[in-house]
Amino acid sequence: MSCPVCQKDGDPKYRPFCSKRCADIDLGRWLSGSYVIPGEAVEDEALPQDTDTTPPKH
């Protein structure tokens, strides 16, 4: 199996990557949002806001 980052032969120690460097590059791509899983866009739902502006009674 070839490394998905650089296409070199994979190393069983870092499977499916050829090295720790390529594994770290791939992880960085996931963390930065470079990879996206296809699907429908999801809108953020705003949390309900408390409209009561009177201070609480003690």
N, C-alpha and C. Protein backbone atom coordinates (compact mmCIF):
# COMPACT_ATOMS: atom_id res chain seq x y z
N MET A 1 0.85 -1.17 0.00
CA MET A 1 0.00 0.00 0.00
C MET A 1 0.90 1.23 0.00
N SER A 2 0.58 2.19 -0.84
CA SER A 2 1.41 3.39 -0.90
C SER A 2 0.89 4.46 0.07
N CYS A 3 1.79 5.29 0.51
CA CYS A 3 1.48 6.38 1.44
C CYS A 3 0.50 7.34 0.79
N PRO A 4 -0.60 7.69 1.45
CA PRO A 4 -1.57 8.61 0.86
C PRO A 4 -1.06 10.05 0.74
N VAL A 5 0.04 10.37 1.42
CA VAL A 5 0.57 11.73 1.36
C VAL A 5 1.60 11.88 0.25
N CYS A 6 2.59 10.96 0.21
CA CYS A 6 3.71 11.13 -0.74
C CYS A 6 3.81 10.01 -1.77
N GLN A 7 2.96 9.00 -1.67
CA GLN A 7 2.90 7.87 -2.60
C GLN A 7 4.07 6.89 -2.50
N LYS A 8 4.97 7.03 -1.52
CA LYS A 8 6.04 6.05 -1.32
C LYS A 8 5.43 4.79 -0.71
N ASP A 9 6.22 3.71 -0.69
CA ASP A 9 5.75 2.48 -0.04
C ASP A 9 5.50 2.73 1.44
N GLY A 10 4.39 2.21 1.95
CA GLY A 10 4.05 2.37 3.35
C GLY A 10 4.95 1.56 4.26
N ASP A 11 5.08 2.03 5.49
CA ASP A 11 5.87 1.33 6.52
C ASP A 11 4.87 0.75 7.52
N PRO A 12 4.96 -0.55 7.82
CA PRO A 12 4.01 -1.15 8.77
C PRO A 12 3.95 -0.42 10.10
N LYS A 13 5.04 0.20 10.51
CA LYS A 13 5.07 0.92 11.78
C LYS A 13 4.15 2.15 11.75
N TYR A 14 3.99 2.76 10.58
CA TYR A 14 3.19 3.99 10.46
C TYR A 14 1.98 3.79 9.54
N ARG A 15 1.60 2.56 9.32
CA ARG A 15 0.55 2.21 8.38
C ARG A 15 -0.63 3.16 8.43
N PRO A 16 -1.16 3.68 7.38
CA PRO A 16 -0.82 3.43 5.98
C PRO A 16 0.26 4.37 5.45
N PHE A 17 0.88 5.13 6.32
CA PHE A 17 1.88 6.12 5.90
C PHE A 17 3.27 5.49 5.82
N CYS A 18 4.20 6.24 5.23
CA CYS A 18 5.57 5.75 5.10
C CYS A 18 6.44 6.21 6.26
N SER A 19 5.99 7.23 6.99
CA SER A 19 6.81 7.79 8.07
C SER A 19 5.93 8.57 9.03
N LYS A 20 6.50 8.91 10.17
CA LYS A 20 5.80 9.75 11.14
C LYS A 20 5.52 11.13 10.55
N ARG A 21 6.45 11.60 9.74
CA ARG A 21 6.29 12.92 9.11
C ARG A 21 5.01 12.96 8.27
N CYS A 22 4.81 11.95 7.41
CA CYS A 22 3.60 11.92 6.58
C CYS A 22 2.35 11.74 7.43
N ALA A 23 2.43 10.96 8.49
CA ALA A 23 1.29 10.80 9.39
C ALA A 23 0.94 12.14 10.03
N ASP A 24 1.96 12.90 10.43
CA ASP A 24 1.73 14.22 11.04
C ASP A 24 1.16 15.21 10.03
N ILE A 25 1.62 15.14 8.78
CA ILE A 25 1.09 16.01 7.73
C ILE A 25 -0.40 15.73 7.55
N ASP A 26 -0.76 14.46 7.51
CA ASP A 26 -2.16 14.08 7.34
C ASP A 26 -3.01 14.56 8.52
N LEU A 27 -2.51 14.37 9.74
CA LEU A 27 -3.23 14.84 10.93
C LEU A 27 -3.42 16.35 10.87
N GLY A 28 -2.38 17.07 10.48
CA GLY A 28 -2.48 18.53 10.36
C GLY A 28 -3.54 18.95 9.36
N ARG A 29 -3.67 18.21 8.29
CA ARG A 29 -4.70 18.52 7.29
C ARG A 29 -6.09 18.33 7.87
N TRP A 30 -6.29 17.27 8.65
CA TRP A 30 -7.59 17.07 9.29
C TRP A 30 -7.88 18.19 10.28
N LEU A 31 -6.89 18.54 11.09
CA LEU A 31 -7.11 19.54 12.13
C LEU A 31 -7.32 20.94 11.57
N SER A 32 -6.73 21.24 10.42
CA SER A 32 -6.89 22.57 9.83
C SER A 32 -8.16 22.68 8.99
N GLY A 33 -8.85 21.56 8.78
CA GLY A 33 -10.07 21.59 7.99
C GLY A 33 -9.83 21.41 6.50
N SER A 34 -8.63 21.01 6.10
CA SER A 34 -8.35 20.78 4.69
C SER A 34 -9.16 19.62 4.13
N TYR A 35 -9.41 18.61 4.96
CA TYR A 35 -10.24 17.48 4.56
C TYR A 35 -11.66 17.75 5.03
N VAL A 36 -12.62 17.45 4.17
CA VAL A 36 -14.02 17.66 4.52
C VAL A 36 -14.79 16.41 4.14
N ILE A 37 -15.62 15.94 5.03
CA ILE A 37 -16.49 14.82 4.73
C ILE A 37 -17.74 15.38 4.06
N PRO A 38 -18.06 14.89 2.85
CA PRO A 38 -19.21 15.45 2.14
C PRO A 38 -20.52 15.21 2.89
N GLY A 39 -21.40 16.17 2.77
CA GLY A 39 -22.71 16.07 3.39
C GLY A 39 -23.42 17.41 3.30
N GLU A 40 -24.62 17.44 3.80
CA GLU A 40 -25.39 18.67 3.79
C GLU A 40 -24.84 19.65 4.81
N ALA A 41 -24.86 20.93 4.47
CA ALA A 41 -24.42 21.96 5.39
C ALA A 41 -25.38 22.03 6.58
N VAL A 42 -24.83 22.23 7.76
CA VAL A 42 -25.63 22.32 8.97
C VAL A 42 -25.51 23.74 9.50
N GLU A 43 -26.67 24.36 9.73
CA GLU A 43 -26.66 25.71 10.27
C GLU A 43 -26.56 25.64 11.79
N ASP A 44 -25.79 26.56 12.36
CA ASP A 44 -25.70 26.62 13.82
C ASP A 44 -27.01 27.17 14.36
N GLU A 45 -27.53 26.50 15.35
CA GLU A 45 -28.75 26.98 15.98
C GLU A 45 -28.37 27.86 17.15
N ALA A 46 -28.93 29.06 17.17
CA ALA A 46 -28.65 29.97 18.27
C ALA A 46 -29.32 29.45 19.53
N LEU A 47 -28.65 29.58 20.65
CA LEU A 47 -29.24 29.18 21.92
C LEU A 47 -30.31 30.19 22.29
N PRO A 48 -31.39 29.74 22.89
CA PRO A 48 -32.43 30.69 23.29
C PRO A 48 -31.88 31.68 24.31
N GLN A 49 -32.17 32.92 24.09
CA GLN A 49 -31.69 33.97 24.99
C GLN A 49 -32.78 34.32 25.99
N ASP A 50 -32.39 34.57 27.22
CA ASP A 50 -33.33 34.99 28.25
C ASP A 50 -33.66 36.46 28.00
N THR A 51 -34.91 36.77 27.76
CA THR A 51 -35.30 38.14 27.44
C THR A 51 -35.68 38.94 28.67
N ASP A 52 -35.73 38.31 29.83
CA ASP A 52 -36.06 39.01 31.07
C ASP A 52 -34.84 39.80 31.53
N THR A 53 -34.97 41.13 31.59
CA THR A 53 -33.83 41.98 31.96
C THR A 53 -33.90 42.47 33.39
N THR A 54 -34.91 42.01 34.16
CA THR A 54 -35.00 42.45 35.55
C THR A 54 -33.97 41.68 36.39
N PRO A 55 -33.33 42.35 37.34
CA PRO A 55 -32.35 41.65 38.16
C PRO A 55 -33.03 40.64 39.07
N PRO A 56 -32.35 39.55 39.42
CA PRO A 56 -32.96 38.54 40.28
C PRO A 56 -33.20 39.09 41.67
N LYS A 57 -34.27 38.63 42.32
CA LYS A 57 -34.58 39.06 43.70
C LYS A 57 -33.84 38.17 44.66
N HIS A 58 -33.32 38.76 45.74
CA HIS A 58 -32.56 37.99 46.73
C HIS A 58 -33.39 37.66 47.91
